[in-house]
Amino acid sequence: MSGSVREARTPFRRPTNVSLDASLIDEAKALGINVSRACEEGLAKQIASARRTRWMEENAEAMAASNAYVAEHGLPLEKYRLF
């Protein structure tokens, strides 16, 4: 898993209590799914999504200004494009 959660996190693991639907736990165990790893990967995806959303919100004004510039003046160095 290149670029995965496992490569990005520190080796320290903290025990945490989490309440989950009992039927999901039973099914996961029956399928041999590591519940801790599945929760960790799901949490990592949620964190990445929240960070992405926050970045987009924080940089919306700058992106709008950049898009307005390109709309008015075209792409910088466009005359050098080969396509």
N, C-alpha and C. Protein backbone atom coordinates (compact mmCIF):
# COMPACT_ATOMS: atom_id res chain seq x y z
N MET A 1 0.84 -1.18 0.00
CA MET A 1 0.00 0.00 0.00
C MET A 1 0.89 1.24 0.00
N SER A 2 1.32 1.68 -1.12
CA SER A 2 2.18 2.85 -1.21
C SER A 2 1.40 4.10 -0.85
N GLY A 3 2.00 4.95 0.00
CA GLY A 3 1.35 6.18 0.41
C GLY A 3 0.17 5.95 1.33
N SER A 4 0.15 4.80 1.95
CA SER A 4 -1.00 4.44 2.78
C SER A 4 -0.93 5.07 4.16
N VAL A 5 -1.98 4.86 4.89
CA VAL A 5 -2.08 5.33 6.27
C VAL A 5 -0.95 4.72 7.09
N ARG A 6 -0.66 3.47 6.87
CA ARG A 6 0.36 2.77 7.65
C ARG A 6 1.72 3.45 7.53
N GLU A 7 2.06 3.94 6.33
CA GLU A 7 3.36 4.58 6.13
C GLU A 7 3.39 5.96 6.77
N ALA A 8 2.25 6.63 6.87
CA ALA A 8 2.20 8.01 7.34
C ALA A 8 2.12 8.12 8.86
N ARG A 9 1.63 7.13 9.53
CA ARG A 9 1.41 7.27 10.97
C ARG A 9 2.67 6.90 11.75
N THR A 10 2.70 7.35 12.98
CA THR A 10 3.81 7.01 13.86
C THR A 10 3.60 5.59 14.37
N PRO A 11 4.65 4.94 14.82
CA PRO A 11 4.51 3.55 15.27
C PRO A 11 3.75 3.41 16.59
N PHE A 12 3.59 4.51 17.34
CA PHE A 12 2.88 4.44 18.61
C PHE A 12 1.39 4.22 18.38
N ARG A 13 0.83 3.27 19.06
CA ARG A 13 -0.60 2.98 18.95
C ARG A 13 -1.22 3.20 20.34
N ARG A 14 -2.34 3.89 20.37
CA ARG A 14 -3.01 4.18 21.63
C ARG A 14 -4.30 3.37 21.71
N PRO A 15 -4.47 2.60 22.77
CA PRO A 15 -5.73 1.87 22.95
C PRO A 15 -6.88 2.87 23.12
N THR A 16 -7.98 2.60 22.42
CA THR A 16 -9.12 3.51 22.44
C THR A 16 -10.40 2.69 22.51
N ASN A 17 -11.34 3.16 23.29
CA ASN A 17 -12.65 2.51 23.34
C ASN A 17 -13.56 3.15 22.31
N VAL A 18 -14.18 2.32 21.48
CA VAL A 18 -15.10 2.79 20.45
C VAL A 18 -16.35 1.92 20.51
N SER A 19 -17.50 2.55 20.44
CA SER A 19 -18.75 1.79 20.42
C SER A 19 -19.16 1.59 18.97
N LEU A 20 -19.34 0.33 18.59
CA LEU A 20 -19.71 -0.01 17.22
C LEU A 20 -20.91 -0.95 17.24
N ASP A 21 -21.63 -0.97 16.14
CA ASP A 21 -22.78 -1.86 15.98
C ASP A 21 -22.33 -3.31 16.15
N ALA A 22 -22.94 -4.02 17.05
CA ALA A 22 -22.55 -5.40 17.37
C ALA A 22 -22.62 -6.32 16.16
N SER A 23 -23.62 -6.14 15.31
CA SER A 23 -23.74 -7.02 14.14
C SER A 23 -22.60 -6.77 13.16
N LEU A 24 -22.14 -5.53 13.08
CA LEU A 24 -20.99 -5.24 12.21
C LEU A 24 -19.72 -5.89 12.74
N ILE A 25 -19.55 -5.85 14.05
CA ILE A 25 -18.38 -6.49 14.66
C ILE A 25 -18.41 -7.99 14.41
N ASP A 26 -19.57 -8.61 14.60
CA ASP A 26 -19.70 -10.05 14.38
C ASP A 26 -19.39 -10.41 12.94
N GLU A 27 -19.93 -9.64 12.00
CA GLU A 27 -19.70 -9.93 10.58
C GLU A 27 -18.24 -9.72 10.21
N ALA A 28 -17.64 -8.66 10.73
CA ALA A 28 -16.22 -8.41 10.45
C ALA A 28 -15.36 -9.55 10.96
N LYS A 29 -15.62 -10.01 12.16
CA LYS A 29 -14.85 -11.11 12.72
C LYS A 29 -15.05 -12.39 11.90
N ALA A 30 -16.28 -12.63 11.46
CA ALA A 30 -16.56 -13.83 10.65
C ALA A 30 -15.81 -13.78 9.32
N LEU A 31 -15.59 -12.57 8.82
CA LEU A 31 -14.89 -12.41 7.54
C LEU A 31 -13.38 -12.23 7.71
N GLY A 32 -12.92 -12.27 8.95
CA GLY A 32 -11.49 -12.14 9.22
C GLY A 32 -10.97 -10.72 9.06
N ILE A 33 -11.83 -9.75 9.23
CA ILE A 33 -11.42 -8.34 9.11
C ILE A 33 -10.87 -7.87 10.44
N ASN A 34 -9.73 -7.22 10.41
CA ASN A 34 -9.14 -6.63 11.61
C ASN A 34 -9.91 -5.34 11.89
N VAL A 35 -10.73 -5.36 12.91
CA VAL A 35 -11.62 -4.23 13.22
C VAL A 35 -10.81 -2.98 13.56
N SER A 36 -9.75 -3.12 14.31
CA SER A 36 -8.93 -1.97 14.67
C SER A 36 -8.35 -1.31 13.42
N ARG A 37 -7.80 -2.11 12.52
CA ARG A 37 -7.23 -1.57 11.28
C ARG A 37 -8.30 -0.94 10.39
N ALA A 38 -9.46 -1.59 10.31
CA ALA A 38 -10.54 -1.05 9.49
C ALA A 38 -11.01 0.30 10.04
N CYS A 39 -11.14 0.39 11.36
CA CYS A 39 -11.52 1.66 11.97
C CYS A 39 -10.46 2.72 11.74
N GLU A 40 -9.21 2.34 11.87
CA GLU A 40 -8.10 3.27 11.67
C GLU A 40 -8.08 3.79 10.24
N GLU A 41 -8.25 2.91 9.26
CA GLU A 41 -8.26 3.33 7.87
C GLU A 41 -9.46 4.22 7.56
N GLY A 42 -10.62 3.89 8.12
CA GLY A 42 -11.80 4.72 7.93
C GLY A 42 -11.62 6.10 8.54
N LEU A 43 -11.02 6.15 9.73
CA LEU A 43 -10.76 7.43 10.39
C LEU A 43 -9.76 8.25 9.59
N ALA A 44 -8.74 7.60 9.06
CA ALA A 44 -7.74 8.31 8.26
C ALA A 44 -8.38 8.91 7.01
N LYS A 45 -9.30 8.19 6.39
CA LYS A 45 -10.00 8.72 5.21
C LYS A 45 -10.87 9.92 5.58
N GLN A 46 -11.54 9.85 6.71
CA GLN A 46 -12.36 10.96 7.17
C GLN A 46 -11.51 12.20 7.48
N ILE A 47 -10.35 11.97 8.09
CA ILE A 47 -9.44 13.08 8.38
C ILE A 47 -8.95 13.72 7.09
N ALA A 48 -8.56 12.90 6.11
CA ALA A 48 -8.09 13.43 4.83
C ALA A 48 -9.19 14.24 4.15
N SER A 49 -10.41 13.74 4.19
CA SER A 49 -11.53 14.45 3.58
C SER A 49 -11.80 15.78 4.27
N ALA A 50 -11.75 15.78 5.60
CA ALA A 50 -11.97 17.02 6.36
C ALA A 50 -10.87 18.03 6.09
N ARG A 51 -9.63 17.56 6.00
CA ARG A 51 -8.51 18.46 5.69
C ARG A 51 -8.67 19.05 4.29
N ARG A 52 -9.05 18.21 3.34
CA ARG A 52 -9.26 18.67 1.96
C ARG A 52 -10.36 19.73 1.91
N THR A 53 -11.47 19.47 2.60
CA THR A 53 -12.58 20.42 2.65
C THR A 53 -12.15 21.73 3.29
N ARG A 54 -11.43 21.63 4.40
CA ARG A 54 -10.96 22.84 5.09
C ARG A 54 -10.02 23.64 4.20
N TRP A 55 -9.10 22.95 3.49
CA TRP A 55 -8.17 23.64 2.60
C TRP A 55 -8.93 24.37 1.50
N MET A 56 -9.92 23.70 0.93
CA MET A 56 -10.72 24.33 -0.13
C MET A 56 -11.44 25.57 0.39
N GLU A 57 -11.99 25.49 1.59
CA GLU A 57 -12.67 26.64 2.18
C GLU A 57 -11.70 27.78 2.47
N GLU A 58 -10.55 27.45 3.04
CA GLU A 58 -9.57 28.47 3.40
C GLU A 58 -8.94 29.14 2.17
N ASN A 59 -8.88 28.43 1.05
CA ASN A 59 -8.22 28.95 -0.14
C ASN A 59 -9.19 29.30 -1.26
N ALA A 60 -10.48 29.32 -0.97
CA ALA A 60 -11.49 29.61 -2.00
C ALA A 60 -11.28 30.99 -2.62
N GLU A 61 -10.96 31.97 -1.80
CA GLU A 61 -10.78 33.33 -2.31
C GLU A 61 -9.58 33.40 -3.26
N ALA A 62 -8.47 32.78 -2.90
CA ALA A 62 -7.28 32.78 -3.75
C ALA A 62 -7.54 32.03 -5.05
N MET A 63 -8.24 30.91 -4.98
CA MET A 63 -8.54 30.15 -6.20
C MET A 63 -9.47 30.94 -7.11
N ALA A 64 -10.44 31.63 -6.53
CA ALA A 64 -11.35 32.46 -7.33
C ALA A 64 -10.58 33.59 -8.00
N ALA A 65 -9.65 34.21 -7.28
CA ALA A 65 -8.84 35.28 -7.86
C ALA A 65 -7.97 34.75 -9.00
N SER A 66 -7.39 33.59 -8.82
CA SER A 66 -6.57 32.99 -9.87
C SER A 66 -7.41 32.65 -11.10
N ASN A 67 -8.57 32.09 -10.88
CA ASN A 67 -9.46 31.76 -12.00
C ASN A 67 -9.93 33.02 -12.72
N ALA A 68 -10.19 34.08 -11.98
CA ALA A 68 -10.62 35.34 -12.60
C ALA A 68 -9.49 35.91 -13.44
N TYR A 69 -8.26 35.82 -12.94
CA TYR A 69 -7.10 36.32 -13.69
C TYR A 69 -6.96 35.56 -15.02
N VAL A 70 -7.05 34.24 -14.95
CA VAL A 70 -6.92 33.41 -16.15
C VAL A 70 -8.06 33.70 -17.11
N ALA A 71 -9.26 33.89 -16.59
CA ALA A 71 -10.41 34.19 -17.45
C ALA A 71 -10.21 35.52 -18.18
N GLU A 72 -9.59 36.48 -17.50
CA GLU A 72 -9.40 37.81 -18.10
C GLU A 72 -8.16 37.88 -18.99
N HIS A 73 -7.06 37.24 -18.56
CA HIS A 73 -5.79 37.39 -19.25
C HIS A 73 -5.30 36.13 -19.96
N GLY A 74 -5.95 35.02 -19.76
CA GLY A 74 -5.49 33.75 -20.32
C GLY A 74 -4.40 33.15 -19.45
N LEU A 75 -3.94 31.97 -19.85
CA LEU A 75 -2.92 31.29 -19.08
C LEU A 75 -1.55 31.94 -19.30
N PRO A 76 -0.79 32.13 -18.24
CA PRO A 76 0.56 32.64 -18.42
C PRO A 76 1.37 31.64 -19.28
N LEU A 77 2.17 32.14 -20.16
CA LEU A 77 3.03 31.31 -21.03
C LEU A 77 2.24 30.43 -22.00
N GLU A 78 0.98 30.76 -22.21
CA GLU A 78 0.14 29.95 -23.10
C GLU A 78 0.72 29.88 -24.51
N LYS A 79 1.37 30.94 -24.95
CA LYS A 79 1.92 30.97 -26.32
C LYS A 79 2.99 29.91 -26.52
N TYR A 80 3.55 29.36 -25.45
CA TYR A 80 4.58 28.35 -25.57
C TYR A 80 4.04 26.92 -25.52
N ARG A 81 2.74 26.77 -25.34
CA ARG A 81 2.16 25.43 -25.27
C ARG A 81 2.21 24.76 -26.64
N LEU A 82 2.48 23.48 -26.65
CA LEU A 82 2.57 22.72 -27.88
C LEU A 82 1.28 21.96 -28.19
N PHE A 83 0.26 22.14 -27.39
CA PHE A 83 -1.01 21.43 -27.61
C PHE A 83 -2.15 22.38 -27.55
